[in-house]
Amino acid sequence: MLYAFMAIITVAIVAILFVFVGEIAFQRIGFGSLGYTLILVGTLAGSTVNLPVWEARGKEPLVEVQEVRAFGLYYRIPRLRVKQVSTIVAVNVGGAVIPVVVSVYLLVMHVGLIVPVVLGSIVMSVLVHLMARKVKGVGIVTPSLLPPFAAAVVAYLVSPGSPAIVAYISGTMGALIGADLTNMRGITKLGAPMASIGGAGTFDGVFLTGVVAVLLVPFL
């Protein structure tokens, strides 16, 4: 009972710290407490909502072994069979829609950053794509800390005057494009009934990359 209580307390403390740190990050890119609260609540609530976009169909080769008995002996005969598989491709509201809306809003409010944002997003998309790995039964996974660190460095290089905003947009867009969109080919081979663009949508790669990238910028 004591260990369970300590575990709950630890999780609660980590969650509170993350919310506090996230608010600092969003303040740096121009959002007040109310705006951050709405984004956080929307991200949490939207993480459970997946909007189906299309159904990807494919074929998976299966090897079946048939046993045949003749003259008291058993013979194992392999047979190749092709199985039709399909995966529903969906867009996660919390992990994709909201980060895109926030990024578009920031870009509209800072039109002068279009060039560094586009450049940073392209670089981050390539880097994240190289880091991403397809794991059967799980989906597309990326390292937790490398993408936000890379986004902070890229933002500082392409826009030393306003690196925080560029870090957030290029980090989130790079995570979405490099990890999910560019890996849609062959998605049916992962064996998952649904592939959600934006992942779990809460504190996964997209949200974490944007927040941590903004926080890392001042230390570069």
N, C-alpha and C. Protein backbone atom coordinates (compact mmCIF):
# COMPACT_ATOMS: atom_id res chain seq x y z
N MET A 1 0.82 -1.21 0.00
CA MET A 1 0.00 0.00 0.00
C MET A 1 0.86 1.26 0.00
N LEU A 2 1.94 1.22 0.80
CA LEU A 2 2.83 2.37 0.87
C LEU A 2 3.48 2.65 -0.47
N TYR A 3 3.93 1.56 -1.17
CA TYR A 3 4.57 1.72 -2.47
C TYR A 3 3.59 2.29 -3.50
N ALA A 4 2.35 1.83 -3.44
CA ALA A 4 1.34 2.34 -4.37
C ALA A 4 1.08 3.81 -4.11
N PHE A 5 1.00 4.19 -2.83
CA PHE A 5 0.78 5.60 -2.47
C PHE A 5 1.94 6.47 -2.94
N MET A 6 3.18 5.99 -2.75
CA MET A 6 4.36 6.74 -3.18
C MET A 6 4.39 6.87 -4.70
N ALA A 7 3.97 5.81 -5.39
CA ALA A 7 3.94 5.86 -6.86
C ALA A 7 2.95 6.90 -7.35
N ILE A 8 1.77 6.95 -6.69
CA ILE A 8 0.75 7.94 -7.07
C ILE A 8 1.26 9.36 -6.82
N ILE A 9 1.90 9.56 -5.68
CA ILE A 9 2.45 10.87 -5.34
C ILE A 9 3.51 11.29 -6.35
N THR A 10 4.38 10.34 -6.72
CA THR A 10 5.45 10.62 -7.69
C THR A 10 4.87 11.03 -9.04
N VAL A 11 3.89 10.25 -9.50
CA VAL A 11 3.25 10.57 -10.79
C VAL A 11 2.58 11.94 -10.74
N ALA A 12 1.93 12.24 -9.62
CA ALA A 12 1.26 13.53 -9.47
C ALA A 12 2.26 14.68 -9.51
N ILE A 13 3.39 14.51 -8.83
CA ILE A 13 4.42 15.55 -8.81
C ILE A 13 5.00 15.78 -10.20
N VAL A 14 5.29 14.66 -10.91
CA VAL A 14 5.82 14.77 -12.27
C VAL A 14 4.83 15.47 -13.19
N ALA A 15 3.55 15.12 -13.06
CA ALA A 15 2.52 15.73 -13.89
C ALA A 15 2.42 17.23 -13.63
N ILE A 16 2.46 17.61 -12.34
CA ILE A 16 2.38 19.03 -11.98
C ILE A 16 3.59 19.80 -12.53
N LEU A 17 4.77 19.20 -12.38
CA LEU A 17 5.98 19.84 -12.89
C LEU A 17 5.93 20.00 -14.40
N PHE A 18 5.42 18.97 -15.08
CA PHE A 18 5.36 19.05 -16.54
C PHE A 18 4.39 20.13 -16.98
N VAL A 19 3.24 20.22 -16.29
CA VAL A 19 2.27 21.27 -16.62
C VAL A 19 2.88 22.65 -16.40
N PHE A 20 3.61 22.80 -15.31
CA PHE A 20 4.25 24.08 -15.00
C PHE A 20 5.31 24.42 -16.04
N VAL A 21 6.14 23.44 -16.38
CA VAL A 21 7.20 23.66 -17.38
C VAL A 21 6.59 23.94 -18.74
N GLY A 22 5.51 23.23 -19.08
CA GLY A 22 4.83 23.46 -20.35
C GLY A 22 4.29 24.87 -20.45
N GLU A 23 3.78 25.39 -19.34
CA GLU A 23 3.27 26.76 -19.34
C GLU A 23 4.38 27.77 -19.60
N ILE A 24 5.56 27.52 -19.03
CA ILE A 24 6.71 28.39 -19.27
C ILE A 24 7.07 28.41 -20.76
N ALA A 25 7.07 27.20 -21.36
CA ALA A 25 7.41 27.10 -22.78
C ALA A 25 6.42 27.87 -23.65
N PHE A 26 5.12 27.71 -23.37
CA PHE A 26 4.11 28.39 -24.18
C PHE A 26 4.11 29.89 -23.94
N GLN A 27 4.49 30.32 -22.75
CA GLN A 27 4.61 31.77 -22.51
C GLN A 27 5.72 32.36 -23.36
N ARG A 28 6.76 31.59 -23.60
CA ARG A 28 7.88 32.08 -24.41
C ARG A 28 7.50 32.26 -25.88
N ILE A 29 6.46 31.55 -26.31
CA ILE A 29 6.05 31.71 -27.71
C ILE A 29 4.79 32.56 -27.83
N GLY A 30 4.40 33.21 -26.71
CA GLY A 30 3.34 34.21 -26.80
C GLY A 30 1.98 33.85 -26.25
N PHE A 31 1.83 32.71 -25.57
CA PHE A 31 0.53 32.33 -25.03
C PHE A 31 0.45 32.64 -23.54
N GLY A 32 -0.70 33.16 -23.12
CA GLY A 32 -0.93 33.40 -21.70
C GLY A 32 -1.40 32.14 -21.00
N SER A 33 -1.72 32.26 -19.73
CA SER A 33 -2.16 31.11 -18.93
C SER A 33 -3.45 30.50 -19.48
N LEU A 34 -4.39 31.36 -19.88
CA LEU A 34 -5.66 30.86 -20.41
C LEU A 34 -5.45 30.11 -21.72
N GLY A 35 -4.64 30.69 -22.60
CA GLY A 35 -4.36 30.03 -23.88
C GLY A 35 -3.69 28.69 -23.68
N TYR A 36 -2.72 28.64 -22.79
CA TYR A 36 -2.02 27.38 -22.52
C TYR A 36 -2.97 26.35 -21.92
N THR A 37 -3.84 26.79 -21.01
CA THR A 37 -4.79 25.86 -20.39
C THR A 37 -5.72 25.26 -21.44
N LEU A 38 -6.21 26.09 -22.35
CA LEU A 38 -7.09 25.59 -23.41
C LEU A 38 -6.36 24.61 -24.31
N ILE A 39 -5.10 24.90 -24.65
CA ILE A 39 -4.32 24.00 -25.50
C ILE A 39 -4.07 22.68 -24.78
N LEU A 40 -3.71 22.76 -23.49
CA LEU A 40 -3.42 21.55 -22.72
C LEU A 40 -4.66 20.68 -22.57
N VAL A 41 -5.78 21.29 -22.20
CA VAL A 41 -7.03 20.53 -22.05
C VAL A 41 -7.46 19.94 -23.39
N GLY A 42 -7.34 20.74 -24.45
CA GLY A 42 -7.68 20.23 -25.78
C GLY A 42 -6.79 19.08 -26.21
N THR A 43 -5.51 19.17 -25.87
CA THR A 43 -4.59 18.10 -26.21
C THR A 43 -4.93 16.82 -25.46
N LEU A 44 -5.20 16.95 -24.17
CA LEU A 44 -5.55 15.78 -23.37
C LEU A 44 -6.86 15.15 -23.82
N ALA A 45 -7.88 15.99 -24.01
CA ALA A 45 -9.18 15.47 -24.44
C ALA A 45 -9.11 14.93 -25.87
N GLY A 46 -8.38 15.65 -26.73
CA GLY A 46 -8.29 15.23 -28.12
C GLY A 46 -7.44 14.01 -28.35
N SER A 47 -6.64 13.62 -27.35
CA SER A 47 -5.78 12.45 -27.51
C SER A 47 -6.59 11.16 -27.65
N THR A 48 -7.85 11.19 -27.23
CA THR A 48 -8.70 10.00 -27.33
C THR A 48 -9.54 10.01 -28.59
N VAL A 49 -9.42 11.07 -29.40
CA VAL A 49 -10.25 11.20 -30.60
C VAL A 49 -9.39 11.02 -31.85
N ASN A 50 -9.71 10.00 -32.64
CA ASN A 50 -9.03 9.75 -33.91
C ASN A 50 -10.03 9.89 -35.05
N LEU A 51 -9.71 10.74 -35.99
CA LEU A 51 -10.60 10.97 -37.13
C LEU A 51 -10.13 10.13 -38.32
N PRO A 52 -10.89 9.09 -38.69
CA PRO A 52 -10.49 8.23 -39.82
C PRO A 52 -10.38 9.03 -41.12
N VAL A 53 -9.31 8.77 -41.86
CA VAL A 53 -9.08 9.49 -43.12
C VAL A 53 -9.22 8.55 -44.31
N TRP A 54 -8.53 7.43 -44.26
CA TRP A 54 -8.68 6.44 -45.33
C TRP A 54 -8.27 5.07 -44.81
N GLU A 55 -8.54 4.07 -45.61
CA GLU A 55 -8.20 2.69 -45.26
C GLU A 55 -7.10 2.20 -46.19
N ALA A 56 -5.96 1.88 -45.61
CA ALA A 56 -4.83 1.38 -46.39
C ALA A 56 -4.93 -0.14 -46.48
N ARG A 57 -4.87 -0.65 -47.69
CA ARG A 57 -4.97 -2.09 -47.91
C ARG A 57 -3.64 -2.63 -48.42
N GLY A 58 -3.36 -3.85 -48.04
CA GLY A 58 -2.11 -4.47 -48.47
C GLY A 58 -2.21 -5.98 -48.42
N LYS A 59 -1.12 -6.63 -48.75
CA LYS A 59 -1.06 -8.09 -48.74
C LYS A 59 0.11 -8.54 -47.89
N GLU A 60 -0.13 -9.58 -47.10
CA GLU A 60 0.91 -10.10 -46.23
C GLU A 60 1.12 -11.59 -46.53
N PRO A 61 2.33 -11.98 -46.91
CA PRO A 61 2.59 -13.39 -47.19
C PRO A 61 2.62 -14.23 -45.90
N LEU A 62 1.96 -15.33 -45.91
CA LEU A 62 1.93 -16.24 -44.77
C LEU A 62 2.39 -17.62 -45.22
N VAL A 63 3.18 -18.25 -44.40
CA VAL A 63 3.65 -19.61 -44.70
C VAL A 63 2.92 -20.58 -43.78
N GLU A 64 2.13 -21.44 -44.36
CA GLU A 64 1.42 -22.46 -43.60
C GLU A 64 2.07 -23.82 -43.84
N VAL A 65 2.09 -24.62 -42.80
CA VAL A 65 2.69 -25.95 -42.90
C VAL A 65 1.60 -27.00 -42.76
N GLN A 66 1.51 -27.85 -43.76
CA GLN A 66 0.51 -28.92 -43.75
C GLN A 66 1.21 -30.26 -43.54
N GLU A 67 0.66 -31.09 -42.66
CA GLU A 67 1.24 -32.41 -42.40
C GLU A 67 0.49 -33.47 -43.18
N VAL A 68 1.27 -34.29 -43.88
CA VAL A 68 0.71 -35.38 -44.68
C VAL A 68 1.32 -36.70 -44.22
N ARG A 69 0.47 -37.70 -44.01
CA ARG A 69 0.97 -39.00 -43.56
C ARG A 69 0.94 -39.99 -44.71
N ALA A 70 2.04 -40.68 -44.87
CA ALA A 70 2.14 -41.70 -45.91
C ALA A 70 3.05 -42.82 -45.43
N PHE A 71 2.54 -44.05 -45.47
CA PHE A 71 3.29 -45.23 -45.03
C PHE A 71 3.83 -45.08 -43.61
N GLY A 72 2.99 -44.48 -42.76
CA GLY A 72 3.37 -44.35 -41.36
C GLY A 72 4.31 -43.20 -41.05
N LEU A 73 4.66 -42.42 -42.06
CA LEU A 73 5.55 -41.28 -41.86
C LEU A 73 4.79 -39.97 -42.08
N TYR A 74 5.21 -38.93 -41.33
CA TYR A 74 4.60 -37.61 -41.47
C TYR A 74 5.52 -36.69 -42.27
N TYR A 75 4.95 -36.02 -43.25
CA TYR A 75 5.72 -35.08 -44.07
C TYR A 75 5.12 -33.68 -43.86
N ARG A 76 6.01 -32.73 -43.61
CA ARG A 76 5.59 -31.34 -43.43
C ARG A 76 5.76 -30.59 -44.75
N ILE A 77 4.65 -30.12 -45.30
CA ILE A 77 4.66 -29.46 -46.59
C ILE A 77 4.34 -27.98 -46.40
N PRO A 78 5.33 -27.10 -46.63
CA PRO A 78 5.07 -25.66 -46.50
C PRO A 78 4.24 -25.14 -47.68
N ARG A 79 3.36 -24.20 -47.40
CA ARG A 79 2.53 -23.63 -48.45
C ARG A 79 2.43 -22.12 -48.22
N LEU A 80 2.68 -21.38 -49.28
CA LEU A 80 2.64 -19.91 -49.20
C LEU A 80 1.22 -19.42 -49.49
N ARG A 81 0.72 -18.59 -48.60
CA ARG A 81 -0.61 -18.03 -48.78
C ARG A 81 -0.54 -16.51 -48.59
N VAL A 82 -1.29 -15.78 -49.37
CA VAL A 82 -1.31 -14.32 -49.28
C VAL A 82 -2.58 -13.89 -48.54
N LYS A 83 -2.39 -13.12 -47.48
CA LYS A 83 -3.50 -12.66 -46.67
C LYS A 83 -3.75 -11.18 -46.92
N GLN A 84 -5.00 -10.83 -47.14
CA GLN A 84 -5.37 -9.43 -47.32
C GLN A 84 -5.43 -8.74 -45.95
N VAL A 85 -4.72 -7.63 -45.81
CA VAL A 85 -4.72 -6.89 -44.54
C VAL A 85 -5.10 -5.43 -44.82
N SER A 86 -5.64 -4.78 -43.82
CA SER A 86 -6.01 -3.38 -43.97
C SER A 86 -5.77 -2.64 -42.66
N THR A 87 -5.43 -1.37 -42.78
CA THR A 87 -5.19 -0.51 -41.62
C THR A 87 -5.92 0.81 -41.81
N ILE A 88 -6.68 1.21 -40.81
CA ILE A 88 -7.37 2.50 -40.87
C ILE A 88 -6.37 3.60 -40.50
N VAL A 89 -6.17 4.53 -41.41
CA VAL A 89 -5.29 5.67 -41.15
C VAL A 89 -6.15 6.82 -40.63
N ALA A 90 -5.81 7.30 -39.42
CA ALA A 90 -6.61 8.35 -38.79
C ALA A 90 -5.71 9.50 -38.36
N VAL A 91 -6.34 10.63 -38.07
CA VAL A 91 -5.64 11.82 -37.57
C VAL A 91 -6.06 12.04 -36.13
N ASN A 92 -5.09 12.07 -35.23
CA ASN A 92 -5.39 12.28 -33.82
C ASN A 92 -5.59 13.78 -33.55
N VAL A 93 -6.67 14.12 -32.89
CA VAL A 93 -6.99 15.53 -32.64
C VAL A 93 -5.96 16.17 -31.72
N GLY A 94 -5.63 15.49 -30.61
CA GLY A 94 -4.70 16.06 -29.66
C GLY A 94 -3.26 16.07 -30.13
N GLY A 95 -2.88 15.07 -30.88
CA GLY A 95 -1.48 14.95 -31.30
C GLY A 95 -1.16 15.50 -32.66
N ALA A 96 -2.18 15.83 -33.46
CA ALA A 96 -1.92 16.35 -34.81
C ALA A 96 -2.69 17.62 -35.10
N VAL A 97 -4.01 17.59 -34.92
CA VAL A 97 -4.83 18.74 -35.29
C VAL A 97 -4.48 19.97 -34.46
N ILE A 98 -4.44 19.83 -33.14
CA ILE A 98 -4.16 20.98 -32.28
C ILE A 98 -2.75 21.54 -32.49
N PRO A 99 -1.69 20.71 -32.56
CA PRO A 99 -0.36 21.27 -32.84
C PRO A 99 -0.29 22.00 -34.17
N VAL A 100 -1.00 21.51 -35.18
CA VAL A 100 -1.00 22.19 -36.48
C VAL A 100 -1.71 23.53 -36.37
N VAL A 101 -2.84 23.56 -35.68
CA VAL A 101 -3.58 24.81 -35.50
C VAL A 101 -2.74 25.84 -34.76
N VAL A 102 -2.06 25.40 -33.69
CA VAL A 102 -1.20 26.29 -32.92
C VAL A 102 -0.06 26.80 -33.79
N SER A 103 0.54 25.92 -34.58
CA SER A 103 1.65 26.31 -35.45
C SER A 103 1.21 27.31 -36.51
N VAL A 104 0.05 27.07 -37.12
CA VAL A 104 -0.48 28.00 -38.13
C VAL A 104 -0.76 29.36 -37.50
N TYR A 105 -1.34 29.35 -36.30
CA TYR A 105 -1.62 30.60 -35.59
C TYR A 105 -0.33 31.39 -35.33
N LEU A 106 0.69 30.71 -34.86
CA LEU A 106 1.97 31.37 -34.59
C LEU A 106 2.58 31.93 -35.87
N LEU A 107 2.45 31.17 -36.95
CA LEU A 107 3.02 31.62 -38.22
C LEU A 107 2.28 32.83 -38.77
N VAL A 108 0.96 32.85 -38.60
CA VAL A 108 0.16 34.01 -39.04
C VAL A 108 0.53 35.25 -38.23
N MET A 109 0.78 35.06 -36.94
CA MET A 109 1.13 36.18 -36.07
C MET A 109 2.57 36.64 -36.27
N HIS A 110 3.40 35.79 -36.90
CA HIS A 110 4.80 36.14 -37.13
C HIS A 110 5.16 35.78 -38.58
N VAL A 111 4.54 36.51 -39.50
CA VAL A 111 4.71 36.22 -40.93
C VAL A 111 6.18 36.32 -41.36
N GLY A 112 6.93 37.16 -40.70
CA GLY A 112 8.33 37.33 -41.07
C GLY A 112 9.19 36.11 -40.83
N LEU A 113 8.63 35.12 -40.12
CA LEU A 113 9.41 33.90 -39.82
C LEU A 113 9.09 32.75 -40.78
N ILE A 114 8.37 33.06 -41.86
CA ILE A 114 7.96 31.99 -42.79
C ILE A 114 9.16 31.24 -43.34
N VAL A 115 10.17 31.97 -43.80
CA VAL A 115 11.34 31.32 -44.42
C VAL A 115 12.08 30.43 -43.42
N PRO A 116 12.48 30.94 -42.23
CA PRO A 116 13.16 30.05 -41.28
C PRO A 116 12.29 28.91 -40.79
N VAL A 117 10.97 29.14 -40.68
CA VAL A 117 10.07 28.06 -40.24
C VAL A 117 10.01 26.95 -41.28
N VAL A 118 9.87 27.34 -42.54
CA VAL A 118 9.83 26.33 -43.62
C VAL A 118 11.16 25.58 -43.69
N LEU A 119 12.25 26.31 -43.63
CA LEU A 119 13.57 25.68 -43.68
C LEU A 119 13.78 24.75 -42.49
N GLY A 120 13.43 25.24 -41.29
CA GLY A 120 13.58 24.43 -40.10
C GLY A 120 12.71 23.20 -40.13
N SER A 121 11.48 23.33 -40.63
CA SER A 121 10.57 22.18 -40.71
C SER A 121 11.07 21.13 -41.68
N ILE A 122 11.64 21.57 -42.80
CA ILE A 122 12.19 20.62 -43.77
C ILE A 122 13.36 19.85 -43.16
N VAL A 123 14.27 20.58 -42.52
CA VAL A 123 15.43 19.92 -41.90
C VAL A 123 14.98 18.95 -40.82
N MET A 124 14.03 19.37 -39.98
CA MET A 124 13.57 18.52 -38.90
C MET A 124 12.82 17.29 -39.44
N SER A 125 12.05 17.47 -40.51
CA SER A 125 11.33 16.33 -41.09
C SER A 125 12.30 15.26 -41.57
N VAL A 126 13.39 15.71 -42.20
CA VAL A 126 14.41 14.75 -42.68
C VAL A 126 15.09 14.06 -41.50
N LEU A 127 15.47 14.85 -40.48
CA LEU A 127 16.16 14.27 -39.32
C LEU A 127 15.28 13.28 -38.57
N VAL A 128 14.02 13.65 -38.34
CA VAL A 128 13.10 12.76 -37.61
C VAL A 128 12.81 11.51 -38.43
N HIS A 129 12.69 11.67 -39.74
CA HIS A 129 12.46 10.50 -40.59
C HIS A 129 13.63 9.51 -40.47
N LEU A 130 14.84 10.02 -40.39
CA LEU A 130 16.01 9.15 -40.26
C LEU A 130 16.04 8.49 -38.88
N MET A 131 15.49 9.17 -37.86
CA MET A 131 15.47 8.60 -36.50
C MET A 131 14.34 7.60 -36.30
N ALA A 132 13.23 7.79 -37.02
CA ALA A 132 12.03 6.99 -36.79
C ALA A 132 12.25 5.53 -37.17
N ARG A 133 11.58 4.65 -36.45
CA ARG A 133 11.64 3.22 -36.71
C ARG A 133 10.23 2.63 -36.68
N LYS A 134 9.96 1.73 -37.61
CA LYS A 134 8.69 1.03 -37.62
C LYS A 134 8.80 -0.22 -36.77
N VAL A 135 7.94 -0.33 -35.77
CA VAL A 135 7.95 -1.48 -34.88
C VAL A 135 6.64 -2.22 -35.05
N LYS A 136 6.72 -3.48 -35.46
CA LYS A 136 5.52 -4.25 -35.72
C LYS A 136 4.71 -4.43 -34.45
N GLY A 137 3.42 -4.18 -34.58
CA GLY A 137 2.53 -4.30 -33.44
C GLY A 137 2.49 -3.06 -32.57
N VAL A 138 3.42 -2.13 -32.78
CA VAL A 138 3.48 -0.90 -31.98
C VAL A 138 3.18 0.31 -32.83
N GLY A 139 3.89 0.45 -33.96
CA GLY A 139 3.73 1.60 -34.84
C GLY A 139 5.06 2.24 -35.13
N ILE A 140 5.06 3.55 -35.29
CA ILE A 140 6.27 4.30 -35.63
C ILE A 140 6.77 4.97 -34.35
N VAL A 141 8.00 4.69 -33.99
CA VAL A 141 8.57 5.23 -32.75
C VAL A 141 9.80 6.07 -33.06
N THR A 142 10.06 7.07 -32.22
CA THR A 142 11.24 7.93 -32.36
C THR A 142 11.86 8.12 -30.98
N PRO A 143 13.13 8.46 -30.91
CA PRO A 143 13.76 8.75 -29.61
C PRO A 143 13.05 9.93 -28.93
N SER A 144 13.05 9.95 -27.60
CA SER A 144 12.31 10.98 -26.88
C SER A 144 13.00 12.34 -26.89
N LEU A 145 14.31 12.37 -26.69
CA LEU A 145 15.00 13.64 -26.48
C LEU A 145 15.76 14.16 -27.70
N LEU A 146 16.13 13.29 -28.62
CA LEU A 146 16.90 13.75 -29.78
C LEU A 146 16.14 14.74 -30.66
N PRO A 147 14.87 14.48 -31.04
CA PRO A 147 14.14 15.45 -31.89
C PRO A 147 14.02 16.84 -31.27
N PRO A 148 13.63 17.00 -29.98
CA PRO A 148 13.55 18.37 -29.44
C PRO A 148 14.90 19.07 -29.36
N PHE A 149 15.95 18.33 -29.05
CA PHE A 149 17.28 18.94 -29.02
C PHE A 149 17.68 19.39 -30.42
N ALA A 150 17.41 18.55 -31.41
CA ALA A 150 17.72 18.91 -32.79
C ALA A 150 16.90 20.12 -33.24
N ALA A 151 15.63 20.19 -32.83
CA ALA A 151 14.77 21.32 -33.20
C ALA A 151 15.30 22.62 -32.60
N ALA A 152 15.78 22.55 -31.36
CA ALA A 152 16.32 23.75 -30.72
C ALA A 152 17.57 24.23 -31.44
N VAL A 153 18.45 23.31 -31.81
CA VAL A 153 19.68 23.66 -32.50
C VAL A 153 19.37 24.24 -33.89
N VAL A 154 18.49 23.57 -34.62
CA VAL A 154 18.12 24.03 -35.96
C VAL A 154 17.49 25.42 -35.90
N ALA A 155 16.59 25.64 -34.93
CA ALA A 155 15.92 26.93 -34.79
C ALA A 155 16.92 28.04 -34.50
N TYR A 156 17.88 27.75 -33.65
CA TYR A 156 18.89 28.76 -33.30
C TYR A 156 19.76 29.09 -34.51
N LEU A 157 20.02 28.10 -35.36
CA LEU A 157 20.87 28.33 -36.53
C LEU A 157 20.14 29.11 -37.63
N VAL A 158 18.86 28.78 -37.86
CA VAL A 158 18.14 29.43 -38.97
C VAL A 158 17.47 30.74 -38.55
N SER A 159 17.23 30.90 -37.23
CA SER A 159 16.58 32.13 -36.76
C SER A 159 17.09 32.51 -35.38
N PRO A 160 18.31 33.00 -35.29
CA PRO A 160 18.86 33.36 -33.97
C PRO A 160 18.11 34.48 -33.27
N GLY A 161 17.35 35.29 -34.03
CA GLY A 161 16.60 36.38 -33.42
C GLY A 161 15.32 35.94 -32.75
N SER A 162 14.65 34.92 -33.29
CA SER A 162 13.39 34.40 -32.73
C SER A 162 13.40 32.88 -32.75
N PRO A 163 14.30 32.25 -32.02
CA PRO A 163 14.44 30.79 -32.10
C PRO A 163 13.30 30.02 -31.44
N ALA A 164 12.64 30.59 -30.42
CA ALA A 164 11.62 29.84 -29.68
C ALA A 164 10.45 29.43 -30.57
N ILE A 165 9.91 30.39 -31.33
CA ILE A 165 8.76 30.11 -32.19
C ILE A 165 9.14 29.13 -33.29
N VAL A 166 10.30 29.34 -33.89
CA VAL A 166 10.76 28.44 -34.94
C VAL A 166 11.01 27.04 -34.37
N ALA A 167 11.51 26.97 -33.14
CA ALA A 167 11.75 25.67 -32.51
C ALA A 167 10.45 24.90 -32.31
N TYR A 168 9.41 25.60 -31.86
CA TYR A 168 8.13 24.92 -31.64
C TYR A 168 7.53 24.43 -32.95
N ILE A 169 7.44 25.32 -33.94
CA ILE A 169 6.79 24.94 -35.20
C ILE A 169 7.58 23.87 -35.93
N SER A 170 8.89 24.07 -36.09
CA SER A 170 9.70 23.09 -36.82
C SER A 170 9.76 21.77 -36.05
N GLY A 171 9.72 21.84 -34.71
CA GLY A 171 9.74 20.61 -33.91
C GLY A 171 8.48 19.80 -34.07
N THR A 172 7.32 20.46 -33.96
CA THR A 172 6.05 19.75 -34.08
C THR A 172 5.80 19.29 -35.51
N MET A 173 6.08 20.15 -36.49
CA MET A 173 5.87 19.77 -37.88
C MET A 173 6.86 18.69 -38.30
N GLY A 174 8.08 18.80 -37.82
CA GLY A 174 9.07 17.77 -38.13
C GLY A 174 8.68 16.42 -37.57
N ALA A 175 8.10 16.41 -36.34
CA ALA A 175 7.67 15.16 -35.73
C ALA A 175 6.51 14.55 -36.50
N LEU A 176 5.56 15.38 -36.92
CA LEU A 176 4.39 14.86 -37.65
C LEU A 176 4.77 14.37 -39.05
N ILE A 177 5.53 15.21 -39.76
CA ILE A 177 5.88 14.85 -41.14
C ILE A 177 6.93 13.75 -41.18
N GLY A 178 8.00 13.93 -40.41
CA GLY A 178 9.10 12.97 -40.47
C GLY A 178 8.80 11.62 -39.87
N ALA A 179 7.99 11.59 -38.81
CA ALA A 179 7.70 10.31 -38.16
C ALA A 179 6.48 9.63 -38.75
N ASP A 180 5.41 10.38 -38.98
CA ASP A 180 4.16 9.76 -39.41
C ASP A 180 3.90 9.81 -40.91
N LEU A 181 3.82 11.02 -41.46
CA LEU A 181 3.40 11.16 -42.86
C LEU A 181 4.34 10.48 -43.84
N THR A 182 5.65 10.59 -43.61
CA THR A 182 6.59 10.00 -44.56
C THR A 182 6.78 8.50 -44.36
N ASN A 183 6.11 7.94 -43.36
CA ASN A 183 6.23 6.50 -43.11
C ASN A 183 4.92 5.76 -43.35
N MET A 184 3.99 6.39 -44.08
CA MET A 184 2.72 5.75 -44.36
C MET A 184 2.86 4.57 -45.32
N ARG A 185 3.90 4.60 -46.14
CA ARG A 185 4.08 3.50 -47.09
C ARG A 185 4.39 2.21 -46.34
N GLY A 186 3.65 1.19 -46.65
CA GLY A 186 3.86 -0.10 -46.01
C GLY A 186 3.33 -0.16 -44.59
N ILE A 187 2.41 0.75 -44.24
CA ILE A 187 1.90 0.81 -42.88
C ILE A 187 1.13 -0.45 -42.51
N THR A 188 0.56 -1.14 -43.49
CA THR A 188 -0.21 -2.35 -43.21
C THR A 188 0.66 -3.48 -42.69
N LYS A 189 1.97 -3.42 -42.96
CA LYS A 189 2.87 -4.48 -42.52
C LYS A 189 3.14 -4.45 -41.01
N LEU A 190 2.72 -3.36 -40.35
CA LEU A 190 2.95 -3.26 -38.91
C LEU A 190 1.95 -4.08 -38.11
N GLY A 191 0.90 -4.55 -38.77
CA GLY A 191 -0.06 -5.41 -38.09
C GLY A 191 -0.98 -4.69 -37.13
N ALA A 192 -1.12 -3.38 -37.26
CA ALA A 192 -1.99 -2.62 -36.37
C ALA A 192 -3.30 -2.31 -37.10
N PRO A 193 -4.45 -2.44 -36.42
CA PRO A 193 -5.72 -2.15 -37.09
C PRO A 193 -5.89 -0.67 -37.41
N MET A 194 -5.18 0.20 -36.66
CA MET A 194 -5.27 1.64 -36.91
C MET A 194 -3.91 2.30 -36.77
N ALA A 195 -3.61 3.19 -37.70
CA ALA A 195 -2.40 4.00 -37.63
C ALA A 195 -2.84 5.45 -37.44
N SER A 196 -2.52 6.01 -36.28
CA SER A 196 -2.98 7.34 -35.95
C SER A 196 -1.87 8.37 -36.13
N ILE A 197 -2.07 9.31 -37.04
CA ILE A 197 -1.11 10.40 -37.25
C ILE A 197 -1.16 11.33 -36.04
N GLY A 198 -0.07 11.44 -35.35
CA GLY A 198 -0.05 12.20 -34.12
C GLY A 198 0.09 11.33 -32.90
N GLY A 199 0.13 10.02 -33.12
CA GLY A 199 0.37 9.09 -32.02
C GLY A 199 -0.72 9.12 -30.98
N ALA A 200 -0.32 8.94 -29.73
CA ALA A 200 -1.27 8.93 -28.63
C ALA A 200 -1.88 10.30 -28.43
N GLY A 201 -1.14 11.35 -28.86
CA GLY A 201 -1.70 12.70 -28.84
C GLY A 201 -1.44 13.49 -27.58
N THR A 202 -1.06 12.88 -26.46
CA THR A 202 -0.85 13.65 -25.22
C THR A 202 0.59 14.10 -25.13
N PHE A 203 1.36 13.51 -24.22
CA PHE A 203 2.75 13.94 -24.05
C PHE A 203 3.68 13.04 -24.86
N ASP A 204 3.30 12.77 -26.10
CA ASP A 204 4.11 11.91 -26.96
C ASP A 204 5.11 12.77 -27.72
N GLY A 205 5.62 12.22 -28.81
CA GLY A 205 6.66 12.90 -29.58
C GLY A 205 6.30 14.30 -30.02
N VAL A 206 5.08 14.53 -30.49
CA VAL A 206 4.72 15.84 -31.05
C VAL A 206 4.69 16.91 -29.96
N PHE A 207 3.89 16.70 -28.92
CA PHE A 207 3.76 17.70 -27.85
C PHE A 207 5.09 17.89 -27.14
N LEU A 208 5.74 16.77 -26.82
CA LEU A 208 7.00 16.84 -26.08
C LEU A 208 8.08 17.54 -26.87
N THR A 209 8.16 17.26 -28.17
CA THR A 209 9.19 17.88 -29.00
C THR A 209 9.04 19.39 -29.03
N GLY A 210 7.81 19.88 -29.22
CA GLY A 210 7.59 21.32 -29.27
C GLY A 210 7.93 22.00 -27.96
N VAL A 211 7.48 21.43 -26.84
CA VAL A 211 7.72 22.05 -25.52
C VAL A 211 9.19 22.03 -25.15
N VAL A 212 9.82 20.87 -25.25
CA VAL A 212 11.21 20.75 -24.85
C VAL A 212 12.13 21.57 -25.75
N ALA A 213 11.82 21.62 -27.04
CA ALA A 213 12.64 22.41 -27.96
C ALA A 213 12.65 23.88 -27.56
N VAL A 214 11.48 24.41 -27.19
CA VAL A 214 11.38 25.81 -26.76
C VAL A 214 12.19 26.04 -25.47
N LEU A 215 12.13 25.08 -24.56
CA LEU A 215 12.84 25.22 -23.30
C LEU A 215 14.34 25.13 -23.47
N LEU A 216 14.82 24.40 -24.47
CA LEU A 216 16.24 24.22 -24.68
C LEU A 216 16.91 25.41 -25.36
N VAL A 217 16.12 26.17 -26.12
CA VAL A 217 16.69 27.26 -26.92
C VAL A 217 17.56 28.22 -26.10
N PRO A 218 17.13 28.70 -24.92
CA PRO A 218 17.95 29.68 -24.18
C PRO A 218 19.31 29.13 -23.73
N PHE A 219 19.46 27.81 -23.71
CA PHE A 219 20.70 27.23 -23.23
C PHE A 219 21.73 27.02 -24.33
N LEU A 220 21.35 27.34 -25.56
CA LEU A 220 22.28 27.14 -26.68
C LEU A 220 23.15 28.39 -26.90
